[in-house]
Amino acid sequence: MPTTVRHDDHHQRFEALIDGAIAALVTYHDDGSLRSFDHTESMGAFRGTGAATAVVRAALDDAAATGHSVLPVCPFVARRIALEPDRYLHLVPTDQQAAFGLLP
């Protein structure tokens, strides 16, 4: 299933869409250049489609592109960073990595 991701800055979230329906989302809040990812959710029938992974990757890529450091409060986001450390670990401040189980 093709997944499209959009950024809804007004609601501070990224949404993965499949056939126009929200399949997954990740919420965040910004504090200056620090972006905390709070929650990731896959919607019912869309679980297992890869939509949550797609939306988290897009959100992390956006954080990198916009110069944000990341606090992966959401365990799903932390797990994605751990699975792709070469791509995302640099986004988490070094002094915060251990707090999220992210050891280089």
Protein backbone atom coordinates (compact mmCIF):
# COMPACT_ATOMS: atom_id res chain seq x y z
CA MET A 1 0.00 0.00 0.00
CA PRO A 2 1.46 3.38 -0.95
CA THR A 3 1.96 5.63 2.07
CA THR A 4 2.04 9.42 1.94
CA VAL A 5 3.30 11.43 4.92
CA ARG A 6 2.22 14.95 5.74
CA HIS A 7 3.33 17.36 8.46
CA ASP A 8 0.53 19.02 10.42
CA ASP A 9 2.46 21.75 12.26
CA HIS A 10 -0.71 23.23 13.75
CA HIS A 11 -1.35 20.00 15.70
CA GLN A 12 2.38 19.23 16.02
CA ARG A 13 2.22 15.83 14.39
CA PHE A 14 3.14 13.89 11.30
CA GLU A 15 0.51 11.70 9.68
CA ALA A 16 0.93 8.70 7.38
CA LEU A 17 -1.95 8.39 4.93
CA ILE A 18 -3.03 5.31 3.03
CA ASP A 19 -5.79 5.84 0.49
CA GLY A 20 -6.48 9.23 2.09
CA ALA A 21 -7.05 7.82 5.58
CA ILE A 22 -4.76 8.44 8.55
CA ALA A 23 -2.97 5.13 9.03
CA ALA A 24 -0.41 6.23 11.65
CA LEU A 25 0.78 9.36 13.37
CA VAL A 26 3.59 10.62 15.58
CA THR A 27 3.15 13.62 17.88
CA TYR A 28 5.86 16.01 19.04
CA HIS A 29 6.48 19.31 20.75
CA ASP A 30 9.28 21.75 20.13
CA ASP A 31 11.27 23.69 22.69
CA GLY A 32 13.54 25.88 20.61
CA SER A 33 15.76 23.56 18.59
CA LEU A 34 14.83 20.51 20.70
CA ARG A 35 12.01 18.30 19.38
CA SER A 36 10.47 15.72 21.72
CA PHE A 37 8.57 12.88 20.07
CA ASP A 38 5.86 11.87 22.53
CA HIS A 39 3.65 9.23 20.94
CA THR A 40 3.31 7.04 17.86
CA GLU A 41 0.04 5.37 16.97
CA SER A 42 -1.06 2.97 14.23
CA MET A 43 -4.75 2.98 13.47
CA GLY A 44 -6.56 -0.39 13.70
CA ALA A 45 -6.70 -1.91 10.24
CA PHE A 46 -3.42 -0.25 9.25
CA ARG A 47 -1.28 -2.01 11.86
CA GLY A 48 1.43 -4.05 10.19
CA THR A 49 1.44 -2.00 6.98
CA GLY A 50 4.68 -0.14 7.75
CA ALA A 51 2.83 3.18 8.08
CA ALA A 52 4.17 3.81 11.61
CA THR A 53 7.74 3.20 10.47
CA ALA A 54 7.22 5.49 7.46
CA VAL A 55 5.81 8.33 9.56
CA VAL A 56 8.58 8.07 12.18
CA ARG A 57 11.29 8.06 9.51
CA ALA A 58 9.73 11.12 7.86
CA ALA A 59 9.48 12.90 11.22
CA LEU A 60 13.12 12.14 12.08
CA ASP A 61 14.25 13.19 8.59
CA ASP A 62 12.35 16.46 9.05
CA ALA A 63 14.02 17.04 12.44
CA ALA A 64 17.41 16.57 10.78
CA ALA A 65 16.54 18.86 7.88
CA THR A 66 15.27 21.62 10.18
CA GLY A 67 18.21 21.46 12.59
CA HIS A 68 16.33 19.99 15.56
CA SER A 69 17.87 17.74 18.17
CA VAL A 70 15.57 14.90 19.19
CA LEU A 71 14.34 13.43 22.46
CA PRO A 72 12.69 10.08 21.61
CA VAL A 73 10.28 9.92 24.57
CA CYS A 74 8.10 7.52 22.56
CA PRO A 75 9.63 4.00 22.71
CA PHE A 76 8.74 3.34 19.04
CA VAL A 77 10.77 6.38 17.97
CA ALA A 78 13.67 5.34 20.21
CA ARG A 79 13.55 1.85 18.69
CA ARG A 80 13.69 3.28 15.14
CA ILE A 81 16.77 5.33 16.10
CA ALA A 82 18.38 2.21 17.61
CA LEU A 83 17.65 0.25 14.41
CA GLU A 84 19.17 2.95 12.20
CA PRO A 85 21.90 4.57 14.32
CA ASP A 86 23.99 5.70 11.35
CA ARG A 87 21.01 7.65 10.06
CA TYR A 88 19.47 9.00 13.29
CA LEU A 89 21.59 8.61 16.45
CA HIS A 90 23.36 11.95 15.86
CA LEU A 91 20.00 13.70 16.36
CA VAL A 92 19.84 12.71 20.04
CA PRO A 93 22.09 14.79 22.28
CA THR A 94 25.01 12.65 23.45
CA ASP A 95 24.26 13.30 27.11
CA GLN A 96 20.66 12.07 26.60
CA GLN A 97 21.32 8.88 24.60
CA ALA A 98 21.69 6.54 27.58
CA ALA A 99 18.40 7.79 29.08
CA PHE A 100 16.63 6.42 26.01
CA GLY A 101 18.62 3.19 25.82
CA LEU A 102 20.66 4.45 22.88
CA LEU A 103 24.29 3.54 23.26
CA PRO A 104 26.59 4.12 20.28
